Amino acid sequence: MTDSASQSIHQIVLEALPVGVYVVSREGKIILWSAGAEHITGYLRQDVLGRLREEELLELSESESDSPGGTTSAPLLETVCEGRAVSAQLFLRSKTGHSIPVQFQSVPLRNDLGAALGAVKIFEPISATAIGNRRQNKLGAYGCLDALTGVLNHSMIQAHLKESLSLYAVYPVPFCVMCFAIDDLPKLRERYGQAGVDATLRVVAQTVENGLRPTDFLGRLLQQEFLAILTECSEADVAKVGHRLSRLVQHAGVSWWGDTFHVTVSIGATPAHDSDTVGSLVSRAEEALRESCAAGGNRVVVISS
């Protein structure tokens, strides 16, 4: 088989892979971007090849570990520098702006003399995402989802909260609720119009939902306010979860008429107590949210009782 024929087969195999593959040079420039990478991220080859460093384009951020507030450090950018392979669960930013949980692997590339040439990066969406998408499709068919953002609607998140409190009365496993709102929405509306605000709400909601565990719930509580139910999450953990979600939102970008802008969120959280009702629990979380907004936003406030 000739070298050209061998290269053609390699290219066909690369383009057929259902995972994303890209290669960075020693300088960090992206020099190969597969069809799978285009499909998963929405970025086309002409958007990335030789133009940007991967950290500028993908804005990789930390994913959660098994604990509610934990993170997993994954120094993917050190593969070229240190010449070692790494693997981790991370989030990358899609072209539409929302974060996608993915499994990443990074392997150094060397020439025959052992000198570093760069690194090859392989990523694929975490399988829980596909399961979650199928679940969302079923919920949507029953009218359980908010039409704009794709998360649970007001009635459904209230029903889950009532169910969580009933279960807590029998099995007092700690759980927390978290209210959050996008900062400076009036300014966004003035600059981008209501359609721009709607796009922002979608990106933020999807980013937060992708950052939660499959056992957590996220719903649209009010027109510009969301509520998350964090199962098996104690008061000691909830602030860490809030800060992690806040970072994910800041890393996400809203694409609007050729422009990309970033937003922050104010977060208020509280743990559930024996005497709580749906009303008292939501009221306490909203009080924490108001304190977060009053303090300038882009922060997490936790109220215990």
Protein backbone atom coordinates (compact mmCIF):
# COMPACT_ATOMS: atom_id res chain seq x y z
CA MET A 1 0.00 0.00 0.00
CA THR A 2 1.41 3.41 -0.95
CA ASP A 3 1.96 6.18 1.59
CA SER A 4 -0.76 8.30 -0.03
CA ALA A 5 -3.28 5.44 0.13
CA SER A 6 -2.40 4.80 3.76
CA GLN A 7 -2.91 8.47 4.59
CA SER A 8 -6.29 8.41 2.84
CA ILE A 9 -7.44 5.45 4.92
CA HIS A 10 -6.26 7.16 8.11
CA GLN A 11 -8.24 10.27 7.16
CA ILE A 12 -11.37 8.22 6.42
CA VAL A 13 -11.10 6.46 9.78
CA LEU A 14 -10.54 9.75 11.61
CA GLU A 15 -13.58 11.37 9.99
CA ALA A 16 -15.76 8.34 10.77
CA LEU A 17 -15.03 8.35 14.49
CA PRO A 18 -18.06 9.37 16.61
CA VAL A 19 -15.78 11.16 19.10
CA GLY A 20 -14.09 14.53 18.82
CA VAL A 21 -10.39 14.52 17.95
CA TYR A 22 -8.04 17.46 17.62
CA VAL A 23 -4.29 18.01 17.63
CA VAL A 24 -2.38 20.93 19.11
CA SER A 25 1.16 21.96 18.30
CA ARG A 26 3.86 22.60 20.88
CA GLU A 27 2.76 26.25 20.84
CA GLY A 28 -0.81 25.26 21.67
CA LYS A 29 -2.26 26.04 18.23
CA ILE A 30 -4.99 23.71 16.98
CA ILE A 31 -3.71 22.09 13.78
CA LEU A 32 -6.28 19.29 13.27
CA TRP A 33 -10.01 19.29 13.99
CA SER A 34 -12.09 16.22 13.17
CA ALA A 35 -15.65 15.92 11.91
CA GLY A 36 -16.62 14.51 15.32
CA ALA A 37 -15.25 17.62 17.00
CA GLU A 38 -17.33 19.76 14.64
CA HIS A 39 -20.48 17.77 15.40
CA ILE A 40 -20.08 17.83 19.19
CA THR A 41 -19.02 21.47 19.64
CA GLY A 42 -20.56 23.21 16.63
CA TYR A 43 -17.17 24.74 15.76
CA LEU A 44 -16.14 24.17 12.14
CA ARG A 45 -12.55 23.67 11.03
CA GLN A 46 -12.33 27.20 9.67
CA ASP A 47 -13.30 28.51 13.11
CA VAL A 48 -10.36 26.93 14.86
CA LEU A 49 -7.47 25.67 12.71
CA GLY A 50 -4.36 27.72 13.33
CA ARG A 51 -6.38 30.60 14.69
CA LEU A 52 -6.74 30.18 18.43
CA ARG A 53 -5.16 28.36 21.34
CA GLU A 54 -7.39 25.65 22.76
CA GLU A 55 -7.83 27.33 26.14
CA GLU A 56 -9.02 30.52 24.43
CA LEU A 57 -11.50 28.70 22.25
CA LEU A 58 -12.88 25.91 24.42
CA GLU A 59 -12.60 27.58 27.83
CA LEU A 60 -12.19 24.28 29.66
CA SER A 61 -13.43 24.35 33.23
CA GLU A 62 -13.54 21.89 36.07
CA SER A 63 -16.19 19.21 36.39
CA GLU A 64 -17.63 17.81 39.56
CA SER A 65 -16.29 14.70 41.23
CA ASP A 66 -18.44 12.16 43.04
CA SER A 67 -19.00 14.52 45.96
CA PRO A 68 -21.58 17.30 45.57
CA GLY A 69 -19.06 20.09 45.88
CA GLY A 70 -15.88 18.41 44.70
CA THR A 71 -13.85 19.10 41.59
CA THR A 72 -11.47 17.07 39.54
CA SER A 73 -8.29 18.80 38.42
CA ALA A 74 -7.30 17.85 34.88
CA PRO A 75 -4.17 19.62 33.62
CA LEU A 76 -4.82 18.80 29.98
CA LEU A 77 -2.69 21.70 28.83
CA GLU A 78 0.30 20.18 30.59
CA THR A 79 0.40 17.19 28.22
CA VAL A 80 2.68 18.98 25.78
CA CYS A 81 4.83 20.54 28.48
CA GLU A 82 5.29 17.47 30.66
CA GLY A 83 4.91 14.74 28.04
CA ARG A 84 2.39 12.68 29.95
CA ALA A 85 -1.09 11.40 29.13
CA VAL A 86 -4.04 12.61 31.19
CA SER A 87 -7.73 11.76 31.36
CA ALA A 88 -10.57 13.58 33.10
CA GLN A 89 -14.21 14.62 33.00
CA LEU A 90 -14.49 18.28 32.04
CA PHE A 91 -16.82 20.84 30.54
CA LEU A 92 -16.17 22.52 27.22
CA ARG A 93 -18.00 25.46 25.73
CA SER A 94 -19.97 24.82 22.57
CA LYS A 95 -20.28 27.37 19.78
CA THR A 96 -23.79 28.22 20.98
CA GLY A 97 -22.34 29.04 24.39
CA HIS A 98 -23.59 26.32 26.72
CA SER A 99 -21.25 23.96 28.52
CA ILE A 100 -21.08 20.28 27.54
CA PRO A 101 -19.86 17.62 30.02
CA VAL A 102 -17.30 15.44 28.25
CA GLN A 103 -14.75 12.73 28.91
CA PHE A 104 -11.36 14.04 27.81
CA GLN A 105 -8.12 12.23 27.03
CA SER A 106 -4.88 13.91 26.08
CA VAL A 107 -1.84 12.05 24.72
CA PRO A 108 1.55 13.56 23.84
CA LEU A 109 2.90 13.26 20.30
CA ARG A 110 6.64 12.65 19.77
CA ASN A 111 8.91 12.16 16.78
CA ASP A 112 11.32 9.23 16.30
CA LEU A 113 13.90 10.94 18.51
CA GLY A 114 11.46 11.44 21.36
CA ALA A 115 11.09 15.19 20.92
CA ALA A 116 7.67 16.63 21.72
CA LEU A 117 5.62 17.63 18.68
CA GLY A 118 2.36 18.43 20.40
CA ALA A 119 -0.60 16.47 21.72
CA VAL A 120 -3.71 14.73 20.46
CA LYS A 121 -6.95 15.36 22.38
CA ILE A 122 -9.97 13.03 22.27
CA PHE A 123 -13.34 13.89 23.79
CA GLU A 124 -16.89 12.55 23.83
CA PRO A 125 -20.06 13.62 25.63
CA ILE A 126 -20.58 11.78 28.89
CA SER A 127 -23.19 9.06 28.46
CA ALA A 128 -25.35 10.48 31.24
CA THR A 129 -26.03 13.40 28.93
CA ALA A 130 -27.68 11.17 26.33
CA ILE A 131 -29.76 9.50 29.02
CA GLY A 132 -30.77 12.92 30.29
CA ASN A 133 -31.74 14.02 26.78
CA ARG A 134 -34.05 11.02 26.35
CA ARG A 135 -35.60 11.79 29.73
CA GLN A 136 -36.08 15.43 28.74
CA ASN A 137 -37.81 14.39 25.52
CA LYS A 138 -40.31 12.31 27.49
CA LEU A 139 -40.91 15.11 29.99
CA GLY A 140 -41.43 17.56 27.16
CA ALA A 141 -44.11 15.31 25.65
CA TYR A 142 -46.04 15.51 28.94
CA GLY A 143 -45.75 19.30 29.22
CA CYS A 144 -43.30 19.26 32.13
CA LEU A 145 -40.66 21.52 30.59
CA ASP A 146 -40.33 25.26 30.24
CA ALA A 147 -40.65 26.04 26.52
CA LEU A 148 -37.95 28.72 26.45
CA THR A 149 -35.15 27.20 28.52
CA GLY A 150 -35.80 23.44 28.30
CA VAL A 151 -35.60 22.92 32.08
CA LEU A 152 -38.50 21.88 34.32
CA ASN A 153 -41.37 24.33 34.39
CA HIS A 154 -42.73 26.04 37.52
CA SER A 155 -45.33 23.37 38.32
CA MET A 156 -42.93 20.48 37.85
CA ILE A 157 -40.12 21.90 40.00
CA GLN A 158 -42.68 22.66 42.72
CA ALA A 159 -43.92 19.06 42.54
CA HIS A 160 -40.36 17.74 42.88
CA LEU A 161 -39.76 20.02 45.83
CA LYS A 162 -42.90 18.76 47.55
CA GLU A 163 -41.81 15.18 46.89
CA SER A 164 -38.32 15.90 48.27
CA LEU A 165 -39.79 17.28 51.50
CA SER A 166 -42.09 14.26 51.88
CA LEU A 167 -39.15 11.90 51.44
CA TYR A 168 -37.07 13.97 53.86
CA ALA A 169 -39.74 13.52 56.55
CA VAL A 170 -39.24 9.73 56.31
CA TYR A 171 -35.54 9.56 55.44
CA PRO A 172 -33.77 12.73 56.63
CA VAL A 173 -31.01 12.65 54.03
CA PRO A 174 -29.79 16.26 53.72
CA PHE A 175 -30.76 18.23 50.64
CA CYS A 176 -30.58 21.89 49.69
CA VAL A 177 -32.36 24.23 47.34
CA MET A 178 -30.72 27.01 45.36
CA CYS A 179 -32.29 30.01 43.67
CA PHE A 180 -30.32 31.89 41.04
CA ALA A 181 -30.86 34.79 38.70
CA ILE A 182 -28.79 36.40 35.94
CA ASP A 183 -27.14 39.64 36.96
CA ASP A 184 -27.91 42.94 35.18
CA LEU A 185 -30.75 41.63 33.02
CA PRO A 186 -32.21 45.15 32.52
CA LYS A 187 -28.91 46.25 30.95
CA LEU A 188 -28.86 43.15 28.75
CA ARG A 189 -32.42 43.86 27.64
CA GLU A 190 -31.55 47.46 26.84
CA ARG A 191 -28.56 46.41 24.74
CA TYR A 192 -29.76 43.19 23.08
CA GLY A 193 -33.54 43.34 23.40
CA GLN A 194 -35.85 40.68 24.81
CA ALA A 195 -34.67 38.14 22.24
CA GLY A 196 -31.12 38.54 23.56
CA VAL A 197 -32.36 38.08 27.12
CA ASP A 198 -34.21 34.91 26.05
CA ALA A 199 -31.02 33.56 24.47
CA THR A 200 -29.15 34.32 27.70
CA LEU A 201 -31.74 32.53 29.81
CA ARG A 202 -31.45 29.45 27.58
CA VAL A 203 -27.64 29.33 27.70
CA VAL A 204 -27.47 29.85 31.47
CA ALA A 205 -30.21 27.29 32.20
CA GLN A 206 -28.62 24.63 29.98
CA THR A 207 -25.15 25.33 31.41
CA VAL A 208 -26.37 24.95 34.99
CA GLU A 209 -28.38 21.84 34.16
CA ASN A 210 -25.34 20.24 32.51
CA GLY A 211 -23.34 21.09 35.64
CA LEU A 212 -25.74 19.30 37.98
CA ARG A 213 -25.80 15.58 38.76
CA PRO A 214 -28.47 13.33 37.22
CA THR A 215 -30.13 13.10 40.66
CA ASP A 216 -30.54 16.89 40.95
CA PHE A 217 -33.41 18.94 39.52
CA LEU A 218 -33.52 22.36 37.88
CA GLY A 219 -36.62 24.35 37.06
CA ARG A 220 -37.77 27.82 36.12
CA LEU A 221 -39.33 29.23 39.27
CA LEU A 222 -40.22 32.71 37.98
CA GLN A 223 -39.78 34.56 34.70
CA GLN A 224 -36.15 35.45 35.46
CA GLU A 225 -35.40 33.10 38.36
CA PHE A 226 -34.46 29.43 38.53
CA LEU A 227 -34.53 26.89 41.35
CA ALA A 228 -32.32 23.83 41.76
CA ILE A 229 -32.93 20.92 44.14
CA LEU A 230 -29.61 19.41 45.21
CA THR A 231 -30.21 15.91 46.54
CA GLU A 232 -27.89 14.37 49.12
CA CYS A 233 -26.24 17.77 49.56
CA SER A 234 -25.54 19.19 53.02
CA GLU A 235 -25.27 22.81 54.07
CA ALA A 236 -21.49 22.40 54.20
CA ASP A 237 -21.44 21.41 50.51
CA VAL A 238 -23.95 23.79 48.98
CA ALA A 239 -21.69 26.86 48.84
CA LYS A 240 -19.03 24.87 46.97
CA VAL A 241 -21.64 23.68 44.49
CA GLY A 242 -22.84 27.25 44.03
CA HIS A 243 -19.34 28.57 43.35
CA ARG A 244 -18.69 25.79 40.83
CA LEU A 245 -21.92 26.51 38.96
CA SER A 246 -21.13 30.22 39.02
CA ARG A 247 -17.77 29.55 37.38
CA LEU A 248 -19.42 27.40 34.72
CA VAL A 249 -21.82 30.21 33.85
CA GLN A 250 -18.97 32.73 33.63
CA HIS A 251 -17.09 30.39 31.27
CA ALA A 252 -20.15 29.97 29.05
CA GLY A 253 -20.72 32.54 26.34
CA VAL A 254 -23.94 33.76 24.73
CA SER A 255 -23.66 33.99 20.93
CA TRP A 256 -25.74 36.84 19.58
CA TRP A 257 -25.59 38.29 16.05
CA GLY A 258 -21.92 37.47 15.58
CA ASP A 259 -21.01 38.69 19.05
CA THR A 260 -20.30 36.64 22.18
CA PHE A 261 -20.87 38.05 25.64
CA HIS A 262 -20.58 36.60 29.13
CA VAL A 263 -22.82 36.93 32.17
CA THR A 264 -22.73 36.20 35.88
CA VAL A 265 -25.39 34.93 38.28
CA SER A 266 -26.43 35.69 41.83
CA ILE A 267 -27.14 32.59 43.90
CA GLY A 268 -29.04 32.07 47.13
CA ALA A 269 -29.17 28.68 48.84
CA THR A 270 -30.52 27.03 51.97
CA PRO A 271 -30.72 23.53 53.49
CA ALA A 272 -34.02 21.80 54.16
CA HIS A 273 -35.26 21.48 57.77
CA ASP A 274 -37.80 19.22 59.46
CA SER A 275 -40.35 22.02 59.83
CA ASP A 276 -40.08 23.26 56.23
CA THR A 277 -42.91 23.54 53.75
CA VAL A 278 -42.46 24.22 50.06
CA GLY A 279 -43.30 27.87 50.75
CA SER A 280 -40.87 28.33 53.63
CA LEU A 281 -38.01 26.59 51.83
CA VAL A 282 -38.43 28.64 48.65
CA SER A 283 -38.90 31.84 50.65
CA ARG A 284 -35.62 31.28 52.49
CA ALA A 285 -33.72 30.56 49.28
CA GLU A 286 -35.18 33.68 47.67
CA GLU A 287 -34.17 35.73 50.70
CA ALA A 288 -30.61 34.48 50.23
CA LEU A 289 -30.83 35.37 46.54
CA ARG A 290 -31.96 38.91 47.38
CA GLU A 291 -28.98 39.28 49.72
CA SER A 292 -26.68 38.09 46.95
CA CYS A 293 -28.12 40.64 44.51
CA ALA A 294 -28.02 43.45 47.09
CA ALA A 295 -24.34 42.75 47.73
CA GLY A 296 -23.50 43.38 44.09
CA GLY A 297 -24.30 40.01 42.50
CA ASN A 298 -21.97 37.34 41.20
CA ARG A 299 -21.79 35.67 44.57
CA VAL A 300 -23.27 32.83 46.62
CA VAL A 301 -25.20 33.50 49.83
CA VAL A 302 -26.33 30.66 52.09
CA ILE A 303 -29.00 31.15 54.76
CA SER A 304 -29.25 28.36 57.31
CA SER A 305 -32.62 29.10 58.87
